[in-house]
Amino acid sequence: MDNGLDNMGDTKMGCDIHCYIEYRTAGDTHWFSWGERINLGRNYVLFGLLAGVRCEGQIYPLRGYPDDAGQAARHDNWLYISDQATDDEHDCTRAHANEWVKYGAKISADGKRVTHPDWHSHSWLTPDEFRTVLDAYTVSPGNPRPGKRVNTYDAALAALDALAKDGESRVVFWFDN
């Protein structure tokens, strides 16, 4: 099935989106994760519209990583710093963390966590903003299926809309190298 995902003929190392849907009901101050990381698929035209990554055309300025992110995004965005670290996907040594800071990684205020060194272009969008990006994709010259959107991204938008009925929702995302 053709779902509109493409690499635009790019032969460089791949880039993927790390995407999280979050919500809060009216009166809540905390954001809740709707599931874990969502794989929307690699689409460099959409990456460009979302964040100026791999293609031009960014629609909204990057907002950075939200300090009040839900549990799934919070867990995935940080690596724990430990002398007993195995340097797997959830922890690292202090020496590695300090080295990564030279290249833009951030250590948390408490000094116990560091952002992943390969992750960049953190931001978030409301459902209406996400819809605007998807609508722009339909008329983008880079869209391999002119006039159509990508079904996985539409599914994420449907979830955002459903979760916003009793409060607010947002999509939090960043990219890797």
N, C-alpha and C. Protein backbone atom coordinates (compact mmCIF):
# COMPACT_ATOMS: atom_id res chain seq x y z
N MET A 1 0.84 -1.18 0.00
CA MET A 1 0.00 0.00 0.00
C MET A 1 0.89 1.25 0.00
N ASP A 2 0.61 2.19 -0.84
CA ASP A 2 1.33 3.45 -0.89
C ASP A 2 0.76 4.39 0.16
N ASN A 3 1.57 4.69 1.18
CA ASN A 3 1.07 5.58 2.23
C ASN A 3 1.67 6.98 2.13
N GLY A 4 2.37 7.26 1.04
CA GLY A 4 2.90 8.61 0.84
C GLY A 4 4.22 8.86 1.53
N LEU A 5 4.82 7.84 2.12
CA LEU A 5 6.09 8.04 2.79
C LEU A 5 7.20 7.89 1.77
N ASP A 6 8.18 8.75 1.87
CA ASP A 6 9.27 8.69 0.91
C ASP A 6 10.51 9.30 1.53
N ASN A 7 11.63 9.05 0.90
CA ASN A 7 12.89 9.64 1.34
C ASN A 7 13.36 10.71 0.37
N MET A 8 12.55 11.05 -0.60
CA MET A 8 12.87 12.10 -1.56
C MET A 8 14.21 11.84 -2.24
N GLY A 9 14.59 10.56 -2.42
CA GLY A 9 15.82 10.22 -3.10
C GLY A 9 17.06 10.54 -2.30
N ASP A 10 16.92 10.83 -1.03
CA ASP A 10 18.04 11.22 -0.19
C ASP A 10 18.94 10.02 0.06
N THR A 11 20.24 10.20 -0.16
CA THR A 11 21.19 9.10 0.05
C THR A 11 22.01 9.30 1.31
N LYS A 12 21.77 10.39 2.05
CA LYS A 12 22.47 10.62 3.31
C LYS A 12 21.89 9.71 4.39
N MET A 13 22.57 9.71 5.53
CA MET A 13 22.07 8.94 6.66
C MET A 13 20.64 9.35 6.97
N GLY A 14 19.84 8.40 7.39
CA GLY A 14 18.44 8.64 7.67
C GLY A 14 18.19 9.55 8.85
N CYS A 15 17.01 10.05 8.91
CA CYS A 15 16.54 10.91 9.99
C CYS A 15 15.12 10.46 10.32
N ASP A 16 14.82 10.29 11.58
CA ASP A 16 13.49 9.84 12.00
C ASP A 16 12.88 10.83 12.97
N ILE A 17 11.55 10.79 13.04
CA ILE A 17 10.82 11.64 13.98
C ILE A 17 10.51 10.84 15.24
N HIS A 18 10.65 11.49 16.37
CA HIS A 18 10.23 10.94 17.66
C HIS A 18 8.98 11.73 18.02
N CYS A 19 7.84 11.08 18.06
CA CYS A 19 6.57 11.76 18.16
C CYS A 19 5.74 11.22 19.33
N TYR A 20 5.12 12.12 20.08
CA TYR A 20 4.35 11.76 21.26
C TYR A 20 3.06 12.58 21.28
N ILE A 21 1.96 11.92 21.49
CA ILE A 21 0.68 12.62 21.63
C ILE A 21 0.38 12.75 23.11
N GLU A 22 0.03 13.97 23.51
CA GLU A 22 -0.24 14.26 24.92
C GLU A 22 -1.58 14.97 25.05
N TYR A 23 -2.17 14.85 26.24
CA TYR A 23 -3.46 15.49 26.48
C TYR A 23 -3.60 15.84 27.95
N ARG A 24 -4.52 16.73 28.21
CA ARG A 24 -4.95 17.02 29.58
C ARG A 24 -6.39 17.48 29.52
N THR A 25 -7.15 17.05 30.50
CA THR A 25 -8.56 17.43 30.54
C THR A 25 -8.69 18.80 31.20
N ALA A 26 -9.83 19.42 31.00
CA ALA A 26 -10.06 20.75 31.57
C ALA A 26 -9.77 20.73 33.06
N GLY A 27 -9.00 21.67 33.52
CA GLY A 27 -8.67 21.77 34.94
C GLY A 27 -7.38 21.07 35.32
N ASP A 28 -6.87 20.15 34.49
CA ASP A 28 -5.60 19.47 34.78
C ASP A 28 -4.44 20.42 34.50
N THR A 29 -3.41 20.30 35.31
CA THR A 29 -2.20 21.07 35.06
C THR A 29 -1.11 20.20 34.44
N HIS A 30 -1.23 18.89 34.55
CA HIS A 30 -0.22 17.97 34.03
C HIS A 30 -0.64 17.39 32.69
N TRP A 31 0.33 17.20 31.81
CA TRP A 31 0.10 16.55 30.54
C TRP A 31 0.27 15.05 30.71
N PHE A 32 -0.60 14.29 30.07
CA PHE A 32 -0.55 12.83 30.12
C PHE A 32 -0.19 12.29 28.75
N SER A 33 0.57 11.22 28.73
CA SER A 33 0.97 10.58 27.47
C SER A 33 -0.16 9.69 26.97
N TRP A 34 -0.42 9.77 25.70
CA TRP A 34 -1.34 8.83 25.06
C TRP A 34 -0.48 7.79 24.38
N GLY A 35 -0.17 6.75 25.11
CA GLY A 35 0.72 5.72 24.60
C GLY A 35 2.17 6.12 24.70
N GLU A 36 2.98 5.45 23.93
CA GLU A 36 4.42 5.68 23.91
C GLU A 36 4.78 6.45 22.63
N ARG A 37 6.04 6.37 22.22
CA ARG A 37 6.49 6.99 20.98
C ARG A 37 5.69 6.44 19.81
N ILE A 38 5.31 7.32 18.92
CA ILE A 38 4.54 6.93 17.73
C ILE A 38 5.46 7.05 16.51
N ASN A 39 5.48 6.01 15.71
CA ASN A 39 6.27 6.03 14.48
C ASN A 39 5.37 6.49 13.34
N LEU A 40 5.46 7.77 13.01
CA LEU A 40 4.64 8.32 11.93
C LEU A 40 5.22 8.01 10.56
N GLY A 41 6.47 7.61 10.52
CA GLY A 41 7.12 7.30 9.26
C GLY A 41 8.02 8.44 8.80
N ARG A 42 8.99 8.08 8.01
CA ARG A 42 9.98 9.03 7.51
C ARG A 42 9.42 9.73 6.27
N ASN A 43 9.29 11.04 6.36
CA ASN A 43 8.82 11.84 5.25
C ASN A 43 9.53 13.19 5.34
N TYR A 44 10.55 13.38 4.54
CA TYR A 44 11.38 14.56 4.67
C TYR A 44 10.66 15.86 4.30
N VAL A 45 9.68 15.79 3.43
CA VAL A 45 8.90 16.98 3.12
C VAL A 45 8.12 17.42 4.37
N LEU A 46 7.48 16.47 5.04
CA LEU A 46 6.78 16.80 6.28
C LEU A 46 7.75 17.23 7.37
N PHE A 47 8.92 16.60 7.44
CA PHE A 47 9.91 17.01 8.44
C PHE A 47 10.28 18.48 8.21
N GLY A 48 10.39 18.87 6.95
CA GLY A 48 10.70 20.26 6.64
C GLY A 48 9.60 21.21 7.05
N LEU A 49 8.36 20.83 6.80
CA LEU A 49 7.22 21.67 7.19
C LEU A 49 7.08 21.76 8.70
N LEU A 50 7.36 20.66 9.40
CA LEU A 50 7.25 20.63 10.86
C LEU A 50 8.37 21.42 11.54
N ALA A 51 9.61 21.26 11.03
CA ALA A 51 10.73 21.79 11.80
C ALA A 51 11.92 22.27 10.96
N GLY A 52 11.78 22.32 9.64
CA GLY A 52 12.91 22.71 8.81
C GLY A 52 14.00 21.65 8.75
N VAL A 53 13.64 20.40 9.03
CA VAL A 53 14.59 19.30 9.04
C VAL A 53 14.54 18.57 7.71
N ARG A 54 15.67 18.48 7.04
CA ARG A 54 15.86 17.77 5.78
C ARG A 54 15.21 18.43 4.57
N CYS A 55 14.31 19.36 4.75
CA CYS A 55 13.68 20.11 3.66
C CYS A 55 13.33 21.50 4.19
N GLU A 56 13.14 22.41 3.29
CA GLU A 56 12.74 23.76 3.68
C GLU A 56 11.22 23.84 3.79
N GLY A 57 10.75 24.96 4.31
CA GLY A 57 9.32 25.20 4.34
C GLY A 57 8.70 25.21 5.73
N GLN A 58 9.52 25.27 6.76
CA GLN A 58 9.02 25.24 8.14
C GLN A 58 7.91 26.27 8.33
N ILE A 59 6.80 25.85 8.93
CA ILE A 59 5.63 26.71 9.09
C ILE A 59 5.62 27.42 10.44
N TYR A 60 5.92 26.71 11.52
CA TYR A 60 5.93 27.30 12.86
C TYR A 60 7.35 27.27 13.41
N PRO A 61 7.75 28.32 14.13
CA PRO A 61 9.08 28.30 14.75
C PRO A 61 9.17 27.18 15.79
N LEU A 62 10.36 26.63 15.94
CA LEU A 62 10.56 25.59 16.95
C LEU A 62 10.33 26.17 18.35
N ARG A 63 9.63 25.43 19.17
CA ARG A 63 9.33 25.88 20.53
C ARG A 63 10.26 25.25 21.57
N GLY A 64 11.03 24.27 21.16
CA GLY A 64 11.89 23.56 22.10
C GLY A 64 11.11 22.47 22.81
N TYR A 65 11.83 21.74 23.62
CA TYR A 65 11.23 20.65 24.39
C TYR A 65 10.38 21.25 25.52
N PRO A 66 9.13 20.83 25.65
CA PRO A 66 8.28 21.40 26.72
C PRO A 66 8.70 20.90 28.10
N ASP A 67 8.93 21.82 29.01
CA ASP A 67 9.34 21.46 30.36
C ASP A 67 8.29 20.62 31.08
N ASP A 68 7.03 20.73 30.65
CA ASP A 68 5.95 20.01 31.30
C ASP A 68 5.51 18.77 30.49
N ALA A 69 6.41 18.20 29.72
CA ALA A 69 6.09 17.05 28.86
C ALA A 69 5.54 15.89 29.67
N GLY A 70 4.71 15.09 29.02
CA GLY A 70 4.16 13.89 29.62
C GLY A 70 5.24 12.83 29.84
N GLN A 71 4.88 11.78 30.54
CA GLN A 71 5.83 10.76 30.97
C GLN A 71 6.58 10.10 29.81
N ALA A 72 5.91 9.73 28.74
CA ALA A 72 6.58 9.01 27.64
C ALA A 72 7.67 9.87 27.00
N ALA A 73 7.34 11.11 26.67
CA ALA A 73 8.34 12.00 26.06
C ALA A 73 9.45 12.32 27.06
N ARG A 74 9.08 12.54 28.31
CA ARG A 74 10.08 12.84 29.34
C ARG A 74 11.05 11.67 29.50
N HIS A 75 10.53 10.47 29.52
CA HIS A 75 11.38 9.27 29.67
C HIS A 75 12.32 9.11 28.47
N ASP A 76 11.79 9.34 27.27
CA ASP A 76 12.58 9.09 26.07
C ASP A 76 13.55 10.21 25.74
N ASN A 77 13.30 11.42 26.21
CA ASN A 77 14.16 12.54 25.86
C ASN A 77 15.46 12.56 26.65
N TRP A 78 15.48 11.94 27.80
CA TRP A 78 16.65 12.02 28.68
C TRP A 78 17.32 10.67 28.86
N LEU A 79 18.63 10.70 29.02
CA LEU A 79 19.41 9.53 29.41
C LEU A 79 19.86 9.76 30.86
N TYR A 80 19.78 8.73 31.67
CA TYR A 80 20.24 8.84 33.05
C TYR A 80 21.76 8.71 33.09
N ILE A 81 22.39 9.55 33.90
CA ILE A 81 23.84 9.54 34.06
C ILE A 81 24.16 8.68 35.27
N SER A 82 25.03 7.70 35.07
CA SER A 82 25.35 6.77 36.15
C SER A 82 26.76 6.22 35.97
N ASP A 83 27.47 6.06 37.09
CA ASP A 83 28.80 5.44 37.02
C ASP A 83 28.71 3.97 36.62
N GLN A 84 27.55 3.36 36.84
CA GLN A 84 27.34 1.96 36.46
C GLN A 84 26.61 1.83 35.12
N ALA A 85 26.60 2.90 34.35
CA ALA A 85 25.84 2.91 33.09
C ALA A 85 26.34 1.85 32.12
N THR A 86 25.40 1.33 31.36
CA THR A 86 25.72 0.37 30.32
C THR A 86 25.75 1.04 28.95
N ASP A 87 25.51 2.35 28.92
CA ASP A 87 25.43 3.12 27.68
C ASP A 87 24.43 2.51 26.70
N ASP A 88 23.30 2.07 27.26
CA ASP A 88 22.23 1.57 26.39
C ASP A 88 21.34 2.76 26.03
N GLU A 89 20.12 2.52 25.62
CA GLU A 89 19.27 3.61 25.17
C GLU A 89 18.69 4.45 26.30
N HIS A 90 18.96 4.09 27.56
CA HIS A 90 18.37 4.84 28.67
C HIS A 90 19.38 5.42 29.65
N ASP A 91 20.67 5.10 29.49
CA ASP A 91 21.65 5.66 30.42
C ASP A 91 22.99 5.86 29.73
N CYS A 92 23.87 6.59 30.43
CA CYS A 92 25.21 6.85 29.92
C CYS A 92 26.12 7.18 31.10
N THR A 93 27.42 7.15 30.84
CA THR A 93 28.38 7.51 31.88
C THR A 93 28.49 9.03 31.97
N ARG A 94 29.00 9.52 33.09
CA ARG A 94 29.21 10.96 33.27
C ARG A 94 30.20 11.47 32.22
N ALA A 95 31.22 10.68 31.89
CA ALA A 95 32.21 11.10 30.89
C ALA A 95 31.55 11.32 29.53
N HIS A 96 30.67 10.39 29.15
CA HIS A 96 29.96 10.57 27.88
C HIS A 96 29.05 11.79 27.93
N ALA A 97 28.33 11.96 29.01
CA ALA A 97 27.44 13.12 29.14
C ALA A 97 28.22 14.42 29.00
N ASN A 98 29.35 14.52 29.68
CA ASN A 98 30.16 15.74 29.61
C ASN A 98 30.69 15.98 28.20
N GLU A 99 31.06 14.93 27.51
CA GLU A 99 31.53 15.05 26.12
C GLU A 99 30.40 15.55 25.22
N TRP A 100 29.20 14.99 25.40
CA TRP A 100 28.06 15.35 24.57
C TRP A 100 27.65 16.81 24.74
N VAL A 101 27.84 17.35 25.95
CA VAL A 101 27.49 18.74 26.21
C VAL A 101 28.29 19.66 25.28
N LYS A 102 29.52 19.28 24.95
CA LYS A 102 30.33 20.09 24.03
C LYS A 102 29.67 20.23 22.67
N TYR A 103 28.77 19.29 22.34
CA TYR A 103 28.13 19.28 21.03
C TYR A 103 26.65 19.65 21.10
N GLY A 104 26.22 20.22 22.22
CA GLY A 104 24.86 20.74 22.32
C GLY A 104 23.90 20.00 23.23
N ALA A 105 24.29 18.84 23.76
CA ALA A 105 23.42 18.14 24.71
C ALA A 105 23.30 18.99 25.98
N LYS A 106 22.21 18.79 26.71
CA LYS A 106 21.95 19.55 27.93
C LYS A 106 21.86 18.61 29.12
N ILE A 107 22.48 19.00 30.21
CA ILE A 107 22.38 18.24 31.46
C ILE A 107 21.27 18.87 32.29
N SER A 108 20.44 18.04 32.89
CA SER A 108 19.31 18.52 33.69
C SER A 108 19.81 19.33 34.89
N ALA A 109 18.92 20.14 35.45
CA ALA A 109 19.28 21.00 36.58
C ALA A 109 19.80 20.19 37.77
N ASP A 110 19.28 18.98 37.95
CA ASP A 110 19.74 18.16 39.07
C ASP A 110 21.00 17.37 38.75
N GLY A 111 21.49 17.46 37.51
CA GLY A 111 22.73 16.79 37.12
C GLY A 111 22.63 15.29 36.94
N LYS A 112 21.40 14.76 36.95
CA LYS A 112 21.23 13.31 36.89
C LYS A 112 20.88 12.79 35.50
N ARG A 113 20.57 13.71 34.56
CA ARG A 113 20.16 13.29 33.23
C ARG A 113 20.79 14.19 32.18
N VAL A 114 20.87 13.66 30.96
CA VAL A 114 21.40 14.42 29.84
C VAL A 114 20.53 14.14 28.61
N THR A 115 20.37 15.15 27.76
CA THR A 115 19.63 14.92 26.53
C THR A 115 20.48 14.06 25.60
N HIS A 116 19.81 13.31 24.75
CA HIS A 116 20.50 12.43 23.82
C HIS A 116 21.30 13.29 22.83
N PRO A 117 22.54 12.91 22.54
CA PRO A 117 23.38 13.75 21.68
C PRO A 117 22.95 13.80 20.21
N ASP A 118 22.16 12.86 19.76
CA ASP A 118 21.75 12.84 18.35
C ASP A 118 20.37 13.42 18.12
N TRP A 119 19.69 13.88 19.17
CA TRP A 119 18.33 14.38 19.02
C TRP A 119 18.33 15.89 18.95
N HIS A 120 17.49 16.42 18.07
CA HIS A 120 17.49 17.86 17.81
C HIS A 120 16.11 18.32 17.35
N SER A 121 15.98 19.61 17.24
CA SER A 121 14.78 20.27 16.70
C SER A 121 13.52 19.89 17.47
N HIS A 122 13.59 19.99 18.78
CA HIS A 122 12.44 19.71 19.65
C HIS A 122 11.37 20.78 19.48
N SER A 123 10.11 20.34 19.46
CA SER A 123 9.01 21.29 19.40
C SER A 123 7.70 20.59 19.74
N TRP A 124 6.63 21.34 19.68
CA TRP A 124 5.29 20.79 19.88
C TRP A 124 4.29 21.66 19.13
N LEU A 125 3.15 21.04 18.77
CA LEU A 125 2.10 21.74 18.04
C LEU A 125 0.74 21.37 18.61
N THR A 126 -0.20 22.31 18.51
CA THR A 126 -1.59 22.03 18.85
C THR A 126 -2.23 21.25 17.70
N PRO A 127 -3.40 20.67 17.91
CA PRO A 127 -4.07 19.99 16.79
C PRO A 127 -4.28 20.89 15.58
N ASP A 128 -4.71 22.13 15.78
CA ASP A 128 -4.93 23.04 14.65
C ASP A 128 -3.63 23.34 13.92
N GLU A 129 -2.55 23.51 14.65
CA GLU A 129 -1.26 23.77 14.01
C GLU A 129 -0.78 22.54 13.24
N PHE A 130 -0.96 21.37 13.81
CA PHE A 130 -0.58 20.12 13.13
C PHE A 130 -1.41 19.96 11.85
N ARG A 131 -2.69 20.29 11.92
CA ARG A 131 -3.57 20.23 10.75
C ARG A 131 -3.07 21.18 9.66
N THR A 132 -2.65 22.37 10.05
CA THR A 132 -2.12 23.34 9.09
C THR A 132 -0.90 22.78 8.36
N VAL A 133 -0.03 22.12 9.10
CA VAL A 133 1.15 21.50 8.48
C VAL A 133 0.73 20.41 7.49
N LEU A 134 -0.21 19.57 7.89
CA LEU A 134 -0.66 18.49 7.01
C LEU A 134 -1.37 19.05 5.77
N ASP A 135 -2.13 20.12 5.94
CA ASP A 135 -2.78 20.75 4.79
C ASP A 135 -1.74 21.34 3.84
N ALA A 136 -0.69 21.95 4.39
CA ALA A 136 0.37 22.50 3.55
C ALA A 136 1.07 21.39 2.76
N TYR A 137 1.19 20.23 3.37
CA TYR A 137 1.81 19.10 2.67
C TYR A 137 1.01 18.70 1.43
N THR A 138 -0.30 18.80 1.48
CA THR A 138 -1.12 18.37 0.35
C THR A 138 -0.81 19.18 -0.91
N VAL A 139 -0.41 20.42 -0.75
CA VAL A 139 -0.12 21.27 -1.91
C VAL A 139 1.38 21.49 -2.11
N SER A 140 2.20 20.83 -1.31
CA SER A 140 3.64 20.98 -1.43
C SER A 140 4.15 20.36 -2.72
N PRO A 141 5.07 21.04 -3.41
CA PRO A 141 5.63 20.45 -4.63
C PRO A 141 6.40 19.17 -4.37
N GLY A 142 6.83 18.94 -3.14
CA GLY A 142 7.55 17.72 -2.80
C GLY A 142 6.67 16.52 -2.49
N ASN A 143 5.37 16.74 -2.44
CA ASN A 143 4.44 15.65 -2.13
C ASN A 143 4.38 14.69 -3.33
N PRO A 144 4.73 13.41 -3.12
CA PRO A 144 4.70 12.47 -4.24
C PRO A 144 3.28 12.09 -4.67
N ARG A 145 2.29 12.42 -3.84
CA ARG A 145 0.88 12.16 -4.16
C ARG A 145 0.12 13.47 -4.02
N PRO A 146 0.25 14.36 -4.99
CA PRO A 146 -0.35 15.70 -4.87
C PRO A 146 -1.82 15.64 -4.46
N GLY A 147 -2.15 16.53 -3.52
CA GLY A 147 -3.52 16.62 -3.03
C GLY A 147 -3.85 15.65 -1.91
N LYS A 148 -2.92 14.77 -1.58
CA LYS A 148 -3.19 13.77 -0.54
C LYS A 148 -2.26 13.98 0.64
N ARG A 149 -2.74 13.54 1.81
CA ARG A 149 -1.92 13.58 3.02
C ARG A 149 -1.42 12.17 3.30
N VAL A 150 -0.65 12.03 4.37
CA VAL A 150 -0.08 10.74 4.76
C VAL A 150 -0.97 10.13 5.84
N ASN A 151 -1.41 8.88 5.64
CA ASN A 151 -2.40 8.27 6.53
C ASN A 151 -1.94 8.17 7.98
N THR A 152 -0.67 7.90 8.24
CA THR A 152 -0.21 7.80 9.62
C THR A 152 -0.28 9.15 10.33
N TYR A 153 0.03 10.21 9.61
CA TYR A 153 -0.04 11.55 10.18
C TYR A 153 -1.50 11.95 10.40
N ASP A 154 -2.38 11.56 9.48
CA ASP A 154 -3.81 11.80 9.66
C ASP A 154 -4.35 11.05 10.88
N ALA A 155 -3.86 9.84 11.12
CA ALA A 155 -4.30 9.08 12.30
C ALA A 155 -3.88 9.80 13.58
N ALA A 156 -2.67 10.36 13.59
CA ALA A 156 -2.23 11.12 14.76
C ALA A 156 -3.11 12.35 14.96
N LEU A 157 -3.47 13.01 13.88
CA LEU A 157 -4.36 14.17 13.97
C LEU A 157 -5.73 13.77 14.52
N ALA A 158 -6.25 12.63 14.09
CA ALA A 158 -7.54 12.16 14.61
C ALA A 158 -7.46 11.92 16.11
N ALA A 159 -6.36 11.34 16.57
CA ALA A 159 -6.18 11.12 18.01
C ALA A 159 -6.10 12.46 18.75
N LEU A 160 -5.36 13.41 18.20
CA LEU A 160 -5.26 14.73 18.82
C LEU A 160 -6.64 15.38 18.94
N ASP A 161 -7.42 15.31 17.87
CA ASP A 161 -8.76 15.89 17.89
C ASP A 161 -9.66 15.21 18.92
N ALA A 162 -9.61 13.90 18.98
CA ALA A 162 -10.45 13.16 19.94
C ALA A 162 -10.05 13.50 21.38
N LEU A 163 -8.76 13.57 21.64
CA LEU A 163 -8.30 13.84 23.00
C LEU A 163 -8.55 15.29 23.43
N ALA A 164 -8.69 16.20 22.47
CA ALA A 164 -8.93 17.61 22.79
C ALA A 164 -10.38 17.90 23.13
N LYS A 165 -11.27 16.94 22.92
CA LYS A 165 -12.70 17.19 23.14
C LYS A 165 -13.01 17.55 24.59
N ASP A 166 -12.27 17.00 25.54
CA ASP A 166 -12.51 17.28 26.95
C ASP A 166 -11.41 18.13 27.58
N GLY A 167 -10.63 18.77 26.76
CA GLY A 167 -9.53 19.59 27.29
C GLY A 167 -8.61 20.04 26.18
N GLU A 168 -7.34 19.69 26.29
CA GLU A 168 -6.33 20.08 25.31
C GLU A 168 -5.52 18.87 24.88
N SER A 169 -4.91 18.97 23.70
CA SER A 169 -3.95 17.96 23.27
C SER A 169 -2.85 18.65 22.50
N ARG A 170 -1.75 17.94 22.34
CA ARG A 170 -0.63 18.46 21.55
C ARG A 170 0.21 17.30 21.07
N VAL A 171 0.98 17.56 20.05
CA VAL A 171 1.96 16.58 19.57
C VAL A 171 3.34 17.16 19.89
N VAL A 172 4.14 16.37 20.61
CA VAL A 172 5.50 16.73 20.97
C VAL A 172 6.41 15.90 20.07
N PHE A 173 7.44 16.54 19.51
CA PHE A 173 8.31 15.80 18.59
C PHE A 173 9.72 16.35 18.58
N TRP A 174 10.62 15.51 18.11
CA TRP A 174 12.00 15.89 17.80
C TRP A 174 12.52 14.89 16.79
N PHE A 175 13.74 15.09 16.36
CA PHE A 175 14.31 14.28 15.29
C PHE A 175 15.66 13.72 15.72
N ASP A 176 16.05 12.63 15.06
CA ASP A 176 17.38 12.08 15.30
C ASP A 176 18.18 12.11 14.01
N ASN A 177 19.46 11.88 14.14
CA ASN A 177 20.34 11.84 12.97
C ASN A 177 20.50 10.43 12.48
